[in-house]
Protein backbone atom coordinates (compact mmCIF):
# COMPACT_ATOMS: atom_id res chain seq x y z
CA MET A 1 -17.91 -35.56 156.14
CA THR A 2 -16.13 -34.77 152.87
CA GLU A 3 -13.05 -36.56 154.14
CA SER A 4 -15.02 -39.83 153.98
CA LEU A 5 -14.96 -39.72 150.17
CA SER A 6 -11.38 -41.09 150.23
CA ARG A 7 -10.41 -39.72 146.81
CA SER A 8 -13.04 -41.99 145.25
CA ALA A 9 -13.20 -39.96 142.01
CA ASP A 10 -9.47 -39.47 141.36
CA GLY A 11 -8.86 -38.40 137.77
CA ARG A 12 -12.50 -38.39 136.69
CA ARG A 13 -13.81 -35.31 134.92
CA PHE A 14 -17.24 -33.82 135.49
CA VAL A 15 -19.03 -30.72 134.24
CA LEU A 16 -21.16 -28.89 136.81
CA GLY A 17 -23.57 -26.32 135.46
CA MET A 18 -25.36 -24.06 137.93
CA THR A 19 -28.41 -22.22 136.62
CA GLY A 20 -31.03 -19.89 138.02
CA GLY A 21 -33.21 -22.43 139.81
CA SER A 22 -33.52 -22.21 143.56
CA GLY A 23 -31.19 -24.53 145.47
CA ALA A 24 -27.73 -23.04 145.05
CA ALA A 25 -26.65 -24.87 148.21
CA TYR A 26 -26.95 -28.20 146.38
CA GLY A 27 -24.57 -27.10 143.64
CA LEU A 28 -22.06 -25.66 146.09
CA ARG A 29 -22.01 -28.81 148.21
CA LEU A 30 -21.70 -31.03 145.14
CA LEU A 31 -18.73 -28.97 143.95
CA GLU A 32 -17.07 -29.31 147.34
CA VAL A 33 -17.46 -33.07 147.67
CA LEU A 34 -16.41 -33.80 144.08
CA LEU A 35 -13.22 -31.79 144.53
CA HIS A 36 -12.55 -33.50 147.87
CA ALA A 37 -13.02 -36.84 146.11
CA GLY A 38 -10.27 -35.98 143.65
CA ALA A 39 -12.46 -35.24 140.64
CA ARG A 40 -11.58 -32.56 138.15
CA VAL A 41 -14.60 -30.28 137.85
CA GLN A 42 -15.38 -27.91 135.01
CA LEU A 43 -17.74 -25.33 136.48
CA ILE A 44 -20.14 -23.12 134.54
CA ALA A 45 -22.60 -20.71 136.13
CA SER A 46 -25.25 -18.68 134.38
CA ASP A 47 -25.86 -15.02 135.21
CA ALA A 48 -29.07 -16.07 136.93
CA ALA A 49 -27.13 -18.58 139.03
CA ARG A 50 -24.88 -15.80 140.26
CA ARG A 51 -27.95 -13.84 141.36
CA VAL A 52 -29.35 -16.89 143.14
CA LEU A 53 -26.02 -17.36 144.94
CA ARG A 54 -26.25 -13.77 146.13
CA HIS A 55 -29.85 -14.02 147.32
CA GLU A 56 -29.82 -17.55 148.79
CA VAL A 57 -26.27 -17.92 150.09
CA GLY A 58 -25.09 -14.35 150.45
CA LEU A 59 -22.23 -14.73 147.96
CA ASP A 60 -21.61 -11.65 145.85
CA LEU A 61 -19.13 -13.03 143.36
CA ALA A 62 -16.63 -10.98 141.42
CA PRO A 63 -17.32 -10.93 137.67
CA GLY A 64 -15.82 -13.49 135.35
CA GLU A 65 -14.08 -16.76 136.02
CA ALA A 66 -12.19 -15.43 139.04
CA GLY A 67 -15.45 -15.06 140.92
CA LEU A 68 -16.35 -18.69 140.30
CA MET A 69 -12.94 -19.91 141.45
CA ALA A 70 -13.78 -18.38 144.83
CA LEU A 71 -16.55 -20.98 145.26
CA ALA A 72 -13.91 -23.62 146.03
CA ALA A 73 -11.58 -23.68 149.01
CA GLU A 74 -8.10 -22.56 148.08
CA ASP A 75 -6.57 -25.98 148.66
CA LEU A 76 -9.05 -27.56 146.22
CA ARG A 77 -8.75 -25.14 143.32
CA ALA A 78 -6.15 -27.20 141.49
CA GLY A 79 -8.97 -29.54 140.50
CA LEU A 80 -11.31 -26.77 139.35
CA GLU A 81 -11.60 -25.23 135.90
CA VAL A 82 -14.19 -22.55 135.23
CA HIS A 83 -15.78 -21.44 131.98
CA ALA A 84 -17.92 -18.48 131.00
CA ASN A 85 -21.40 -19.58 130.03
CA ALA A 86 -21.06 -17.71 126.75
CA ALA A 87 -17.82 -19.52 125.87
CA VAL A 88 -19.38 -22.16 123.64
CA GLU A 89 -15.94 -22.95 122.22
CA SER A 90 -14.82 -24.38 125.59
CA SER A 91 -14.12 -28.10 126.04
CA PRO A 92 -17.50 -29.09 127.56
CA ALA A 93 -19.06 -28.16 124.20
CA SER A 94 -17.16 -30.86 122.35
CA GLY A 95 -18.05 -34.52 122.08
CA SER A 96 -14.34 -35.34 121.86
CA ALA A 97 -13.65 -33.96 125.35
CA ALA A 98 -13.10 -36.73 127.87
CA ILE A 99 -15.99 -35.85 130.16
CA ASP A 100 -17.32 -38.56 132.50
CA GLY A 101 -20.60 -36.85 133.35
CA VAL A 102 -22.55 -33.60 133.29
CA VAL A 103 -24.68 -32.36 136.19
CA VAL A 104 -26.97 -29.34 136.00
CA CYS A 105 -27.61 -28.44 139.62
CA PRO A 106 -29.76 -26.59 140.29
CA CYS A 107 -31.54 -26.82 136.96
CA SER A 108 -34.03 -24.08 136.16
CA MET A 109 -37.14 -25.00 134.21
CA GLY A 110 -36.00 -22.70 131.41
CA THR A 111 -32.69 -24.53 131.05
CA LEU A 112 -34.47 -27.87 131.32
CA ALA A 113 -36.89 -26.92 128.54
CA ARG A 114 -34.12 -25.83 126.19
CA VAL A 115 -32.07 -28.98 126.78
CA ALA A 116 -35.17 -31.17 126.34
CA HIS A 117 -35.79 -29.61 122.93
CA GLY A 118 -32.17 -29.52 121.76
CA PHE A 119 -31.93 -25.75 121.86
CA SER A 120 -28.40 -24.91 123.06
CA SER A 121 -28.10 -21.18 123.66
CA ASN A 122 -25.07 -21.30 126.00
CA LEU A 123 -22.31 -23.58 127.28
CA ILE A 124 -24.36 -25.25 130.02
CA GLU A 125 -27.06 -26.26 127.58
CA ARG A 126 -24.51 -27.35 124.97
CA ALA A 127 -22.64 -29.50 127.53
CA ALA A 128 -25.92 -31.20 128.44
CA ASP A 129 -26.79 -31.69 124.77
CA VAL A 130 -23.37 -33.23 124.12
CA ALA A 131 -23.78 -35.62 127.06
CA LEU A 132 -27.03 -36.89 125.55
CA LYS A 133 -25.67 -37.36 122.05
CA GLU A 134 -22.51 -39.08 123.30
CA ARG A 135 -24.54 -41.34 125.62
CA ARG A 136 -22.76 -40.00 128.68
CA ARG A 137 -24.33 -39.50 132.08
CA LEU A 138 -26.46 -36.36 132.26
CA ILE A 139 -28.12 -35.52 135.57
CA VAL A 140 -30.56 -32.65 135.90
CA VAL A 141 -31.59 -31.50 139.38
CA PRO A 142 -34.74 -29.39 139.09
CA ARG A 143 -36.19 -27.62 142.11
CA GLU A 144 -39.70 -26.41 141.32
CA THR A 145 -43.18 -26.90 142.72
CA PRO A 146 -45.90 -27.33 141.66
CA LEU A 147 -45.08 -28.64 138.21
CA SER A 148 -47.08 -27.60 135.18
CA MET A 149 -47.98 -29.98 132.37
CA ILE A 150 -45.24 -28.32 130.30
CA HIS A 151 -42.67 -29.04 133.02
CA LEU A 152 -43.78 -32.65 133.27
CA ARG A 153 -43.60 -33.19 129.52
CA ASN A 154 -40.12 -31.70 129.37
CA LEU A 155 -38.97 -33.90 132.25
CA LEU A 156 -40.34 -36.94 130.43
CA LEU A 157 -38.60 -35.93 127.19
CA LEU A 158 -35.26 -35.73 128.98
CA ALA A 159 -35.79 -39.06 130.74
CA GLU A 160 -36.68 -40.69 127.43
CA ALA A 161 -33.53 -39.20 125.89
CA GLY A 162 -31.40 -40.87 128.55
CA ALA A 163 -30.97 -38.19 131.20
CA VAL A 164 -31.32 -38.89 134.91
CA VAL A 165 -34.02 -36.62 136.32
CA LEU A 166 -33.13 -36.18 139.99
CA PRO A 167 -35.39 -33.58 141.61
CA ALA A 168 -34.12 -31.92 144.77
CA MET A 169 -36.46 -33.92 147.00
CA PRO A 170 -34.65 -34.74 150.27
CA GLY A 171 -35.85 -37.67 152.33
CA PHE A 172 -36.40 -37.67 156.06
CA TYR A 173 -35.89 -41.28 157.11
CA HIS A 174 -32.36 -40.41 158.29
CA ARG A 175 -33.97 -37.95 160.76
CA PRO A 176 -32.09 -34.81 159.73
CA GLN A 177 -31.42 -32.21 162.39
CA ARG A 178 -29.87 -29.54 160.18
CA VAL A 179 -30.51 -28.07 156.74
CA ALA A 180 -27.04 -29.27 155.72
CA GLU A 181 -28.19 -32.86 156.22
CA LEU A 182 -31.08 -32.32 153.80
CA VAL A 183 -28.64 -30.88 151.26
CA ASP A 184 -26.32 -33.87 151.71
CA PHE A 185 -29.20 -36.27 151.11
CA VAL A 186 -29.71 -34.91 147.58
CA VAL A 187 -25.99 -34.57 146.88
CA ALA A 188 -25.52 -38.19 147.96
CA ARG A 189 -28.07 -39.32 145.38
CA ILE A 190 -26.20 -37.36 142.69
CA LEU A 191 -22.92 -38.98 143.69
CA ASP A 192 -24.56 -42.40 143.49
CA GLN A 193 -25.62 -41.69 139.91
CA LEU A 194 -22.08 -40.54 139.05
CA GLY A 195 -20.59 -43.66 140.59
CA VAL A 196 -18.64 -41.71 143.22
CA ALA A 197 -18.36 -43.58 146.52
CA HIS A 198 -19.27 -41.62 149.64
CA GLU A 199 -20.61 -41.80 153.16
CA LEU A 200 -22.45 -38.50 153.23
CA VAL A 201 -25.61 -40.06 154.63
CA ALA A 202 -26.47 -43.37 156.22
CA ARG A 203 -27.90 -45.83 153.75
CA TRP A 204 -31.28 -47.45 154.35
CA GLN A 205 -31.20 -50.80 156.08
CA THR A 206 -34.01 -53.26 156.66
CA PRO A 207 -35.58 -52.35 160.01
CA LYS A 208 -35.15 -54.97 162.70
CA PRO A 209 -38.44 -56.50 163.84
CA ALA A 210 -39.73 -55.24 167.15
CA ALA A 211 -39.12 -57.51 170.11
CA ASN A 212 -42.01 -59.88 170.90
CA PRO A 213 -43.77 -58.38 173.95
CA TRP A 214 -45.20 -61.81 174.93
CA HIS A 215 -43.32 -64.32 177.02
CA GLU A 216 -42.56 -67.63 175.37
CA GLY A 217 -45.54 -69.95 175.52
CA GLU A 218 -48.04 -67.28 176.56
CA GLU A 219 -51.03 -66.42 174.48
CA PRO A 220 -51.63 -62.77 173.65
């Protein structure tokens, strides 16, 4: 249903960082719908993310930026810019870059810990750090269970610093029939936080009361 986005993000610029956490399908789907919506996406993937893409999705990407370009359909690549994770001189590292939001999806617990403590060892972590200091939207999408006390403290630190902590926890009230519907549930929540209109999943509505089984005037 990517066509339902109706170019709702035309001209907006987002950074998408994919790290080594499980859940590569979330990052891929988010990339697809943002590009369909007309956003300009700056994509960064860690080496661990590339391995996860191979193991979880079966994508064995070519090295370098060319491999990451292959993650987008050919007709959408005009809106995609890719950066090496080691290229800390790239635009997402600068507070003066006109970035509307940064999403780390999936977000490994190692990346999360480094961002929470201001330790920027690569471009993904620096882009997240910049989003926090510039008071821009930062969304982290961890996928881990169970959570240790260390994980919980780091999640709290990021939330207190202004990040949106959006765990990959799909709901089931829309009665999904396919794995893709569970992925879309989480991606829809990310789009909501970015302010990108969509119709990926049906929104919750107040349930209608059940019909009264008793005839008018009769006592139960």
